[in-house]
Protein backbone atom coordinates (compact mmCIF):
# COMPACT_ATOMS: atom_id res chain seq x y z
CA UNK A 1 -121.40 -15.06 56.57
CA UNK A 2 -125.37 -13.72 57.77
CA UNK A 3 -124.42 -15.30 61.08
CA UNK A 4 -122.02 -12.45 61.93
CA UNK A 5 -125.16 -10.05 61.30
CA UNK A 6 -126.72 -11.70 63.82
CA UNK A 7 -127.24 -9.43 67.14
CA UNK A 8 -125.49 -11.71 69.70
CA UNK A 9 -126.04 -9.59 72.93
CA UNK A 10 -129.75 -10.03 71.65
CA UNK A 11 -128.61 -14.05 71.11
CA UNK A 12 -127.55 -13.94 74.55
CA UNK A 13 -129.75 -12.26 76.59
CA UNK A 14 -132.68 -14.61 74.80
CA UNK A 15 -130.74 -17.56 75.66
CA UNK A 16 -130.29 -16.94 79.32
CA UNK A 17 -134.59 -15.90 79.45
CA UNK A 18 -134.80 -19.34 77.58
CA UNK A 19 -132.65 -21.31 79.99
CA UNK A 20 -134.04 -19.48 83.03
CA UNK A 21 -137.49 -19.79 82.16
CA UNK A 22 -136.84 -24.02 81.14
CA UNK A 23 -135.75 -23.85 84.99
CA UNK A 24 -138.68 -22.91 86.46
CA UNK A 25 -140.78 -24.77 84.08
CA UNK A 26 -139.17 -27.80 85.12
CA UNK A 27 -138.37 -27.13 88.42
CA UNK A 28 -138.80 -29.11 91.85
CA UNK A 29 -141.79 -27.52 92.73
CA UNK A 30 -143.23 -27.21 88.96
CA UNK A 31 -143.88 -29.59 86.63
CA UNK A 32 -140.69 -31.83 87.23
CA UNK A 33 -142.36 -33.81 89.76
CA UNK A 34 -145.17 -34.35 87.70
CA UNK A 35 -143.65 -34.82 84.29
CA UNK A 36 -140.78 -37.37 85.93
CA UNK A 37 -143.70 -39.72 87.26
CA UNK A 38 -145.76 -39.75 84.23
CA UNK A 39 -142.34 -40.67 82.36
CA UNK A 40 -142.76 -44.38 84.44
CA UNK A 41 -139.73 -43.19 86.96
CA UNK A 42 -139.18 -43.50 90.44
CA UNK A 43 -137.20 -41.78 93.06
CA UNK A 44 -133.79 -42.09 91.58
CA UNK A 45 -132.01 -38.89 90.56
CA UNK A 46 -132.75 -38.14 86.80
CA UNK A 47 -129.19 -38.34 84.98
CA UNK A 48 -127.10 -40.01 87.11
CA UNK A 49 -124.03 -39.16 87.68
CA UNK A 50 -123.52 -37.46 84.38
CA UNK A 51 -125.64 -33.92 85.71
CA UNK A 52 -122.90 -32.14 84.31
CA UNK A 53 -123.41 -33.15 80.67
CA UNK A 54 -126.98 -33.00 80.68
CA UNK A 55 -127.08 -29.55 81.53
CA UNK A 56 -124.07 -28.90 79.21
CA UNK A 57 -126.03 -30.24 76.15
CA UNK A 58 -129.06 -28.82 77.41
CA UNK A 59 -127.65 -24.99 77.31
CA UNK A 60 -125.96 -25.95 74.02
CA UNK A 61 -129.55 -27.41 72.54
CA UNK A 62 -130.71 -24.26 73.84
CA UNK A 63 -127.99 -21.82 72.39
CA UNK A 64 -128.67 -23.86 68.83
CA UNK A 65 -132.44 -23.15 68.86
CA UNK A 66 -132.15 -19.82 70.02
CA UNK A 67 -129.40 -18.98 67.01
CA UNK A 68 -132.10 -20.91 64.73
CA UNK A 69 -135.26 -18.44 65.98
CA UNK A 70 -132.59 -15.23 65.42
CA UNK A 71 -132.08 -16.72 62.09
CA UNK A 72 -135.47 -16.81 60.85
CA UNK A 73 -136.61 -13.60 62.50
CA UNK A 74 -133.38 -12.17 60.82
CA UNK A 75 -134.60 -13.59 57.23
CA UNK A 76 -138.19 -12.59 57.85
CA UNK A 77 -136.67 -9.04 58.85
CA UNK A 78 -135.08 -9.13 55.18
CA UNK A 79 -137.47 -10.03 53.39
CA UNK A 80 -140.58 -8.03 54.94
CA UNK A 81 -138.90 -4.87 57.02
CA UNK A 82 -138.42 -5.01 60.92
CA UNK A 83 -140.08 -7.73 62.66
CA UNK A 84 -140.22 -5.80 66.28
CA UNK A 85 -141.15 -7.89 69.71
CA UNK A 86 -144.63 -8.86 68.78
CA UNK A 87 -143.59 -10.02 65.18
CA UNK A 88 -140.71 -11.88 67.27
CA UNK A 89 -143.20 -12.90 69.88
CA UNK A 90 -145.35 -14.60 67.03
CA UNK A 91 -143.25 -15.97 65.34
CA UNK A 92 -140.90 -18.07 68.32
CA UNK A 93 -144.76 -18.97 69.09
CA UNK A 94 -144.83 -20.35 65.52
CA UNK A 95 -142.05 -22.43 65.62
CA UNK A 96 -142.50 -23.58 68.83
CA UNK A 97 -145.88 -25.03 67.96
CA UNK A 98 -145.09 -25.44 64.31
CA UNK A 99 -141.89 -27.48 64.35
CA UNK A 100 -140.69 -28.44 68.70
CA UNK A 101 -144.75 -29.58 69.18
CA UNK A 102 -145.47 -30.47 66.01
CA UNK A 103 -142.64 -33.07 65.58
CA UNK A 104 -142.32 -34.35 68.88
CA UNK A 105 -146.13 -35.55 69.24
CA UNK A 106 -145.20 -38.28 67.37
CA UNK A 107 -142.01 -39.11 69.54
CA UNK A 108 -143.95 -39.11 72.74
CA UNK A 109 -146.68 -41.48 71.67
CA UNK A 110 -144.94 -43.96 69.68
CA UNK A 111 -142.63 -44.15 72.98
CA UNK A 112 -145.61 -44.87 74.76
CA UNK A 113 -145.18 -41.92 77.12
CA UNK A 114 -148.62 -40.11 76.47
CA UNK A 115 -150.14 -36.61 75.99
CA UNK A 116 -149.89 -35.62 79.80
CA UNK A 117 -145.40 -36.08 79.00
CA UNK A 118 -145.61 -34.26 75.70
CA UNK A 119 -148.24 -31.58 77.23
CA UNK A 120 -145.72 -30.67 79.49
CA UNK A 121 -142.50 -30.67 77.75
CA UNK A 122 -144.13 -28.90 74.57
CA UNK A 123 -145.25 -26.23 77.09
CA UNK A 124 -141.85 -25.59 77.88
CA UNK A 125 -140.81 -25.50 74.44
CA UNK A 126 -143.69 -23.27 73.06
CA UNK A 127 -143.06 -20.65 76.19
CA UNK A 128 -139.28 -20.67 75.14
CA UNK A 129 -139.38 -20.48 71.57
CA UNK A 130 -142.11 -17.64 72.17
CA UNK A 131 -140.16 -15.97 74.60
CA UNK A 132 -136.91 -16.29 72.54
CA UNK A 133 -138.87 -14.69 69.80
CA UNK A 134 -140.02 -11.83 71.91
CA UNK A 135 -136.53 -11.32 73.01
CA UNK A 136 -135.08 -10.98 69.70
CA UNK A 137 -137.26 -9.12 68.23
CA UNK A 138 -137.52 -6.37 71.64
CA UNK A 139 -133.37 -5.83 70.00
CA UNK A 140 -134.73 -5.62 66.69
C-alpha cells in the first residue's frame, strides 16, 4: 500500500506549516474580519459553542489535503523521478488553483457570497497547497 511509503515526517511538518499559515491568514489582525463581514455576519462569534469541533474538523481536513498532495507528489515521482522543492511547490500551486480555487468558485457565487469571499478563501487554500507541496518536495 503506497500510503506506507509516504514520508510521514514530511506530512507532519507540512500539516503544521499549512495549519499555521491558515491560522495567520484568517487571524483577527489579517483577513478574518474582512472575510467575516463579507460573509454577512455580525458581531457573533464563529462556530458558537462548537469551536473544538470547528478546529478539530479543520485540522482533519488539512491533514487529508496534505496526504493528498503528498500522494500526488509520490506518484509524480514514480513516473518522472524525484520532484524536489520546486516541483513540489509547482504541484501544490497547480492543485490549489486547479482544484481548490476552481471548485469553490461556483459554490461561493451560487451561495451569494461574491468574489471577495472567494478570493480570501482561495488565497489561503492556494497558499497552503503551495506550501505543502514545497515542504513535501524539500523532504524529497
